[in-house]
Amino acid sequence: MSIPKLSPAENKNKMSQNSNHATEENFRVKMEVMKDNEKYKAQEEKNNFLLELEQIKTSNIAEMNDFRKQMDELRASYERELTSHHSTRESFLEQCNRADNLDSALRRSKAERQISDEKAQKAIQESAEMAVLLA
């Protein structure tokens, strides 16, 4: 089979068509590359955003853990203070009870002493009266 010879006009027309095809193909490839680049950039932005979000989340979790730790330390400190206060209060109440008991014992002792002093005085007076009667 022989290749038909083209006239210069047909040859020019054919070259023009091939050139147009090549230009269209080149344009189509460039458009695909641009779309791929846009997709890549969009994906990269999305990944950067997700990474930043994860970093914020991680830092917030760390801050929350620090806050919880501080709250636990404060709660433990409060419990120690409260226990100390209760111990001090119980000790104070025990001392107050002892003081009340001692005060009560002192009043009883004074009352008993006064009664015994009155009895002794009465016995002395009765003895003196007996001595006067016997004399």
N, C-alpha and C. Protein backbone atom coordinates (compact mmCIF):
# COMPACT_ATOMS: atom_id res chain seq x y z
N MET A 1 0.81 -1.16 0.00
CA MET A 1 0.00 0.00 0.00
C MET A 1 0.87 1.24 0.00
N SER A 2 0.51 2.10 -0.78
CA SER A 2 1.32 3.30 -0.90
C SER A 2 0.64 4.45 -0.18
N ILE A 3 1.45 5.31 0.34
CA ILE A 3 0.93 6.48 1.05
C ILE A 3 0.61 7.53 0.01
N PRO A 4 -0.63 8.01 0.05
CA PRO A 4 -0.97 9.00 -0.97
C PRO A 4 -0.21 10.30 -0.72
N LYS A 5 0.16 10.93 -1.76
CA LYS A 5 0.86 12.22 -1.70
C LYS A 5 -0.19 13.28 -1.50
N LEU A 6 0.13 14.21 -0.60
CA LEU A 6 -0.79 15.31 -0.34
C LEU A 6 -0.28 16.56 -1.02
N SER A 7 -1.24 17.34 -1.41
CA SER A 7 -0.85 18.62 -2.01
C SER A 7 -0.37 19.53 -0.90
N PRO A 8 0.37 20.59 -1.22
CA PRO A 8 0.86 21.48 -0.17
C PRO A 8 -0.28 22.07 0.63
N ALA A 9 -1.41 22.38 0.05
CA ALA A 9 -2.54 22.96 0.79
C ALA A 9 -3.11 21.92 1.74
N GLU A 10 -3.24 20.66 1.24
CA GLU A 10 -3.75 19.60 2.09
C GLU A 10 -2.75 19.30 3.21
N ASN A 11 -1.49 19.34 2.83
CA ASN A 11 -0.44 19.10 3.82
C ASN A 11 -0.48 20.18 4.90
N LYS A 12 -0.67 21.43 4.49
CA LYS A 12 -0.75 22.55 5.43
C LYS A 12 -1.98 22.39 6.31
N ASN A 13 -3.10 21.99 5.69
CA ASN A 13 -4.35 21.80 6.42
C ASN A 13 -4.18 20.67 7.44
N LYS A 14 -3.57 19.58 7.01
CA LYS A 14 -3.34 18.43 7.90
C LYS A 14 -2.44 18.83 9.06
N MET A 15 -1.38 19.60 8.77
CA MET A 15 -0.47 20.05 9.83
C MET A 15 -1.19 20.98 10.80
N SER A 16 -2.07 21.81 10.23
CA SER A 16 -2.84 22.72 11.07
C SER A 16 -3.77 21.93 11.99
N GLN A 17 -4.41 20.88 11.43
CA GLN A 17 -5.28 20.04 12.25
C GLN A 17 -4.47 19.34 13.35
N ASN A 18 -3.32 18.80 12.97
CA ASN A 18 -2.45 18.14 13.95
C ASN A 18 -2.00 19.13 15.02
N SER A 19 -1.69 20.34 14.58
CA SER A 19 -1.26 21.38 15.53
C SER A 19 -2.41 21.72 16.47
N ASN A 20 -3.62 21.85 15.91
CA ASN A 20 -4.80 22.13 16.75
C ASN A 20 -5.03 20.99 17.74
N HIS A 21 -4.91 19.75 17.24
CA HIS A 21 -5.06 18.58 18.12
C HIS A 21 -4.02 18.61 19.24
N ALA A 22 -2.80 18.90 18.87
CA ALA A 22 -1.71 18.95 19.85
C ALA A 22 -1.97 20.06 20.86
N THR A 23 -2.43 21.23 20.38
CA THR A 23 -2.73 22.35 21.28
C THR A 23 -3.86 21.98 22.22
N GLU A 24 -4.93 21.37 21.67
CA GLU A 24 -6.05 20.94 22.51
C GLU A 24 -5.60 19.90 23.54
N GLU A 25 -4.81 18.95 23.09
CA GLU A 25 -4.30 17.92 24.00
C GLU A 25 -3.42 18.54 25.07
N ASN A 26 -2.57 19.48 24.66
CA ASN A 26 -1.70 20.19 25.60
C ASN A 26 -2.55 20.96 26.62
N PHE A 27 -3.62 21.64 26.13
CA PHE A 27 -4.52 22.39 27.00
C PHE A 27 -5.22 21.45 27.98
N ARG A 28 -5.70 20.30 27.45
CA ARG A 28 -6.39 19.32 28.30
C ARG A 28 -5.45 18.78 29.38
N VAL A 29 -4.22 18.48 29.01
CA VAL A 29 -3.24 17.97 29.98
C VAL A 29 -2.94 19.04 31.03
N LYS A 30 -2.76 20.29 30.57
CA LYS A 30 -2.51 21.39 31.53
C LYS A 30 -3.68 21.55 32.49
N MET A 31 -4.92 21.45 31.97
CA MET A 31 -6.11 21.55 32.82
C MET A 31 -6.14 20.41 33.84
N GLU A 32 -5.81 19.20 33.42
CA GLU A 32 -5.77 18.07 34.34
C GLU A 32 -4.71 18.28 35.42
N VAL A 33 -3.55 18.78 34.97
CA VAL A 33 -2.47 19.06 35.94
C VAL A 33 -2.92 20.12 36.93
N MET A 34 -3.61 21.19 36.42
CA MET A 34 -4.10 22.24 37.32
C MET A 34 -5.12 21.68 38.31
N LYS A 35 -6.04 20.83 37.81
CA LYS A 35 -7.04 20.22 38.69
C LYS A 35 -6.35 19.35 39.74
N ASP A 36 -5.37 18.56 39.29
CA ASP A 36 -4.63 17.72 40.24
C ASP A 36 -3.91 18.58 41.27
N ASN A 37 -3.30 19.70 40.81
CA ASN A 37 -2.61 20.60 41.74
C ASN A 37 -3.59 21.22 42.73
N GLU A 38 -4.79 21.61 42.23
CA GLU A 38 -5.80 22.18 43.12
C GLU A 38 -6.25 21.14 44.15
N LYS A 39 -6.47 19.90 43.68
CA LYS A 39 -6.85 18.83 44.61
C LYS A 39 -5.75 18.61 45.64
N TYR A 40 -4.50 18.60 45.16
CA TYR A 40 -3.37 18.39 46.07
C TYR A 40 -3.30 19.52 47.09
N LYS A 41 -3.45 20.78 46.61
CA LYS A 41 -3.40 21.93 47.53
C LYS A 41 -4.55 21.89 48.52
N ALA A 42 -5.75 21.54 48.03
CA ALA A 42 -6.91 21.44 48.91
C ALA A 42 -6.68 20.35 49.95
N GLN A 43 -6.15 19.21 49.52
CA GLN A 43 -5.87 18.11 50.46
C GLN A 43 -4.80 18.53 51.46
N GLU A 44 -3.78 19.25 50.97
CA GLU A 44 -2.71 19.72 51.85
C GLU A 44 -3.26 20.70 52.89
N GLU A 45 -4.13 21.62 52.45
CA GLU A 45 -4.75 22.56 53.39
C GLU A 45 -5.60 21.82 54.41
N LYS A 46 -6.36 20.84 53.93
CA LYS A 46 -7.19 20.03 54.83
C LYS A 46 -6.31 19.31 55.85
N ASN A 47 -5.22 18.70 55.38
CA ASN A 47 -4.31 17.99 56.29
C ASN A 47 -3.68 18.94 57.30
N ASN A 48 -3.27 20.14 56.83
CA ASN A 48 -2.70 21.13 57.75
C ASN A 48 -3.73 21.56 58.79
N PHE A 49 -4.97 21.77 58.33
CA PHE A 49 -6.04 22.15 59.24
C PHE A 49 -6.29 21.04 60.27
N LEU A 50 -6.35 19.79 59.81
CA LEU A 50 -6.56 18.67 60.73
C LEU A 50 -5.41 18.53 61.72
N LEU A 51 -4.19 18.76 61.23
CA LEU A 51 -3.02 18.70 62.11
C LEU A 51 -3.09 19.79 63.17
N GLU A 52 -3.45 21.00 62.75
CA GLU A 52 -3.58 22.11 63.69
C GLU A 52 -4.68 21.82 64.70
N LEU A 53 -5.79 21.27 64.22
CA LEU A 53 -6.89 20.91 65.10
C LEU A 53 -6.46 19.86 66.12
N GLU A 54 -5.70 18.89 65.67
CA GLU A 54 -5.20 17.83 66.56
C GLU A 54 -4.25 18.42 67.61
N GLN A 55 -3.41 19.38 67.18
CA GLN A 55 -2.49 20.02 68.13
C GLN A 55 -3.26 20.81 69.18
N ILE A 56 -4.31 21.51 68.74
CA ILE A 56 -5.14 22.26 69.69
C ILE A 56 -5.81 21.30 70.66
N LYS A 57 -6.34 20.21 70.10
CA LYS A 57 -7.00 19.20 70.94
C LYS A 57 -6.02 18.62 71.95
N THR A 58 -4.82 18.30 71.49
CA THR A 58 -3.80 17.74 72.37
C THR A 58 -3.42 18.73 73.46
N SER A 59 -3.25 20.00 73.08
CA SER A 59 -2.88 21.00 74.09
C SER A 59 -4.03 21.22 75.06
N ASN A 60 -5.28 21.17 74.56
CA ASN A 60 -6.43 21.31 75.46
C ASN A 60 -6.51 20.13 76.41
N ILE A 61 -6.22 18.94 75.92
CA ILE A 61 -6.23 17.75 76.79
C ILE A 61 -5.15 17.89 77.85
N ALA A 62 -3.98 18.36 77.44
CA ALA A 62 -2.88 18.55 78.40
C ALA A 62 -3.27 19.60 79.44
N GLU A 63 -3.89 20.70 78.99
CA GLU A 63 -4.34 21.73 79.93
C GLU A 63 -5.39 21.17 80.88
N MET A 64 -6.32 20.37 80.36
CA MET A 64 -7.35 19.77 81.21
C MET A 64 -6.72 18.81 82.21
N ASN A 65 -5.74 18.04 81.77
CA ASN A 65 -5.06 17.13 82.70
C ASN A 65 -4.33 17.91 83.79
N ASP A 66 -3.67 19.02 83.41
CA ASP A 66 -3.01 19.87 84.40
C ASP A 66 -4.04 20.44 85.37
N PHE A 67 -5.17 20.89 84.83
CA PHE A 67 -6.23 21.45 85.67
C PHE A 67 -6.77 20.40 86.64
N ARG A 68 -6.99 19.19 86.13
CA ARG A 68 -7.47 18.10 87.00
C ARG A 68 -6.44 17.79 88.09
N LYS A 69 -5.16 17.79 87.71
CA LYS A 69 -4.11 17.52 88.69
C LYS A 69 -4.11 18.60 89.77
N GLN A 70 -4.24 19.87 89.36
CA GLN A 70 -4.30 20.96 90.33
C GLN A 70 -5.52 20.82 91.23
N MET A 71 -6.66 20.44 90.65
CA MET A 71 -7.87 20.25 91.44
C MET A 71 -7.69 19.11 92.44
N ASP A 72 -7.05 18.02 92.01
CA ASP A 72 -6.80 16.90 92.92
C ASP A 72 -5.88 17.33 94.06
N GLU A 73 -4.85 18.13 93.73
CA GLU A 73 -3.93 18.62 94.76
C GLU A 73 -4.67 19.53 95.74
N LEU A 74 -5.53 20.42 95.21
CA LEU A 74 -6.31 21.30 96.08
C LEU A 74 -7.26 20.50 96.96
N ARG A 75 -7.91 19.49 96.36
CA ARG A 75 -8.84 18.67 97.13
C ARG A 75 -8.10 17.94 98.25
N ALA A 76 -6.92 17.39 97.94
CA ALA A 76 -6.12 16.69 98.96
C ALA A 76 -5.69 17.66 100.05
N SER A 77 -5.28 18.85 99.66
CA SER A 77 -4.87 19.87 100.63
C SER A 77 -6.06 20.25 101.52
N TYR A 78 -7.23 20.42 100.89
CA TYR A 78 -8.44 20.75 101.64
C TYR A 78 -8.79 19.63 102.62
N GLU A 79 -8.68 18.39 102.17
CA GLU A 79 -8.97 17.24 103.04
C GLU A 79 -8.01 17.22 104.24
N ARG A 80 -6.72 17.50 103.97
CA ARG A 80 -5.75 17.54 105.08
C ARG A 80 -6.10 18.65 106.07
N GLU A 81 -6.43 19.83 105.54
CA GLU A 81 -6.81 20.95 106.41
C GLU A 81 -8.06 20.62 107.21
N LEU A 82 -9.03 20.00 106.55
CA LEU A 82 -10.28 19.65 107.22
C LEU A 82 -10.03 18.62 108.31
N THR A 83 -9.21 17.62 108.01
CA THR A 83 -8.86 16.60 109.00
C THR A 83 -8.14 17.25 110.18
N SER A 84 -7.22 18.13 109.87
CA SER A 84 -6.48 18.84 110.92
C SER A 84 -7.43 19.67 111.76
N HIS A 85 -8.38 20.34 111.09
CA HIS A 85 -9.36 21.16 111.81
C HIS A 85 -10.21 20.28 112.73
N HIS A 86 -10.67 19.13 112.20
CA HIS A 86 -11.47 18.23 113.03
C HIS A 86 -10.66 17.73 114.22
N SER A 87 -9.40 17.38 113.98
CA SER A 87 -8.54 16.91 115.08
C SER A 87 -8.38 18.01 116.11
N THR A 88 -8.12 19.22 115.64
CA THR A 88 -7.96 20.36 116.56
C THR A 88 -9.25 20.62 117.30
N ARG A 89 -10.38 20.55 116.58
CA ARG A 89 -11.68 20.79 117.20
C ARG A 89 -11.97 19.71 118.25
N GLU A 90 -11.70 18.45 117.91
CA GLU A 90 -11.93 17.36 118.86
C GLU A 90 -11.04 17.54 120.09
N SER A 91 -9.80 17.91 119.86
CA SER A 91 -8.88 18.15 120.97
C SER A 91 -9.39 19.30 121.84
N PHE A 92 -9.86 20.36 121.19
CA PHE A 92 -10.40 21.51 121.92
C PHE A 92 -11.62 21.09 122.74
N LEU A 93 -12.52 20.29 122.12
CA LEU A 93 -13.71 19.84 122.85
C LEU A 93 -13.33 18.94 124.03
N GLU A 94 -12.33 18.07 123.83
CA GLU A 94 -11.86 17.23 124.94
C GLU A 94 -11.32 18.10 126.07
N GLN A 95 -10.54 19.12 125.73
CA GLN A 95 -10.00 20.02 126.76
C GLN A 95 -11.12 20.78 127.46
N CYS A 96 -12.13 21.20 126.69
CA CYS A 96 -13.28 21.88 127.30
C CYS A 96 -14.02 20.94 128.25
N ASN A 97 -14.20 19.68 127.83
CA ASN A 97 -14.86 18.70 128.71
C ASN A 97 -14.05 18.46 129.98
N ARG A 98 -12.72 18.33 129.81
CA ARG A 98 -11.86 18.16 130.99
C ARG A 98 -11.96 19.37 131.91
N ALA A 99 -11.96 20.56 131.32
CA ALA A 99 -12.06 21.79 132.12
C ALA A 99 -13.40 21.83 132.84
N ASP A 100 -14.48 21.46 132.14
CA ASP A 100 -15.81 21.43 132.78
C ASP A 100 -15.83 20.41 133.92
N ASN A 101 -15.24 19.22 133.67
CA ASN A 101 -15.19 18.19 134.72
C ASN A 101 -14.38 18.67 135.92
N LEU A 102 -13.23 19.31 135.65
CA LEU A 102 -12.41 19.83 136.76
C LEU A 102 -13.16 20.92 137.52
N ASP A 103 -13.85 21.80 136.79
CA ASP A 103 -14.62 22.87 137.42
C ASP A 103 -15.73 22.28 138.29
N SER A 104 -16.40 21.26 137.75
CA SER A 104 -17.47 20.60 138.50
C SER A 104 -16.90 19.92 139.75
N ALA A 105 -15.77 19.24 139.60
CA ALA A 105 -15.13 18.59 140.75
C ALA A 105 -14.70 19.62 141.78
N LEU A 106 -14.18 20.75 141.32
CA LEU A 106 -13.76 21.82 142.24
C LEU A 106 -14.96 22.37 143.01
N ARG A 107 -16.09 22.59 142.31
CA ARG A 107 -17.30 23.08 142.99
C ARG A 107 -17.81 22.07 144.01
N ARG A 108 -17.79 20.76 143.63
CA ARG A 108 -18.21 19.73 144.59
C ARG A 108 -17.29 19.71 145.80
N SER A 109 -15.99 19.81 145.51
CA SER A 109 -15.01 19.80 146.59
C SER A 109 -15.22 20.99 147.53
N LYS A 110 -15.47 22.16 146.96
CA LYS A 110 -15.72 23.36 147.79
C LYS A 110 -16.99 23.19 148.61
N ALA A 111 -18.04 22.63 147.95
CA ALA A 111 -19.30 22.42 148.66
C ALA A 111 -19.11 21.42 149.79
N GLU A 112 -18.38 20.32 149.52
CA GLU A 112 -18.13 19.32 150.56
C GLU A 112 -17.29 19.92 151.69
N ARG A 113 -16.31 20.75 151.32
CA ARG A 113 -15.47 21.39 152.34
C ARG A 113 -16.31 22.33 153.20
N GLN A 114 -17.20 23.08 152.55
CA GLN A 114 -18.05 24.01 153.30
C GLN A 114 -18.96 23.23 154.25
N ILE A 115 -19.51 22.11 153.75
CA ILE A 115 -20.37 21.29 154.61
C ILE A 115 -19.57 20.74 155.79
N SER A 116 -18.35 20.23 155.50
CA SER A 116 -17.53 19.68 156.59
C SER A 116 -17.10 20.79 157.55
N ASP A 117 -16.81 22.01 157.01
CA ASP A 117 -16.47 23.13 157.89
C ASP A 117 -17.66 23.50 158.77
N GLU A 118 -18.87 23.49 158.19
CA GLU A 118 -20.07 23.80 158.97
C GLU A 118 -20.29 22.74 160.05
N LYS A 119 -20.09 21.44 159.70
CA LYS A 119 -20.23 20.37 160.68
C LYS A 119 -19.20 20.52 161.80
N ALA A 120 -17.96 20.83 161.40
CA ALA A 120 -16.91 21.01 162.40
C ALA A 120 -17.25 22.19 163.31
N GLN A 121 -17.72 23.28 162.72
CA GLN A 121 -18.09 24.47 163.50
C GLN A 121 -19.21 24.12 164.47
N LYS A 122 -20.20 23.36 163.97
CA LYS A 122 -21.33 22.97 164.79
C LYS A 122 -20.87 22.06 165.94
N ALA A 123 -19.94 21.14 165.62
CA ALA A 123 -19.42 20.24 166.65
C ALA A 123 -18.66 21.02 167.70
N ILE A 124 -17.87 22.02 167.27
CA ILE A 124 -17.12 22.86 168.21
C ILE A 124 -18.09 23.63 169.09
N GLN A 125 -19.14 24.17 168.46
CA GLN A 125 -20.12 24.96 169.20
C GLN A 125 -20.85 24.05 170.21
N GLU A 126 -21.23 22.84 169.79
CA GLU A 126 -21.90 21.92 170.70
C GLU A 126 -20.96 21.52 171.84
N SER A 127 -19.68 21.32 171.53
CA SER A 127 -18.73 20.99 172.59
C SER A 127 -18.59 22.13 173.57
N ALA A 128 -18.57 23.35 173.02
CA ALA A 128 -18.44 24.52 173.90
C ALA A 128 -19.68 24.62 174.78
N GLU A 129 -20.84 24.38 174.22
CA GLU A 129 -22.08 24.45 175.00
C GLU A 129 -22.09 23.34 176.06
N MET A 130 -21.60 22.17 175.71
CA MET A 130 -21.53 21.08 176.67
C MET A 130 -20.56 21.40 177.79
N ALA A 131 -19.46 22.03 177.42
CA ALA A 131 -18.47 22.39 178.43
C ALA A 131 -19.05 23.42 179.37
N VAL A 132 -19.84 24.35 178.87
CA VAL A 132 -20.46 25.38 179.71
C VAL A 132 -21.48 24.71 180.61
N LEU A 133 -22.23 23.79 180.12
CA LEU A 133 -23.23 23.11 180.92
C LEU A 133 -22.58 22.23 181.99
N LEU A 134 -21.49 21.65 181.69
CA LEU A 134 -20.81 20.79 182.64
C LEU A 134 -20.01 21.60 183.66
N ALA A 135 -19.70 22.76 183.38
CA ALA A 135 -18.89 23.55 184.29
C ALA A 135 -19.67 24.25 185.33
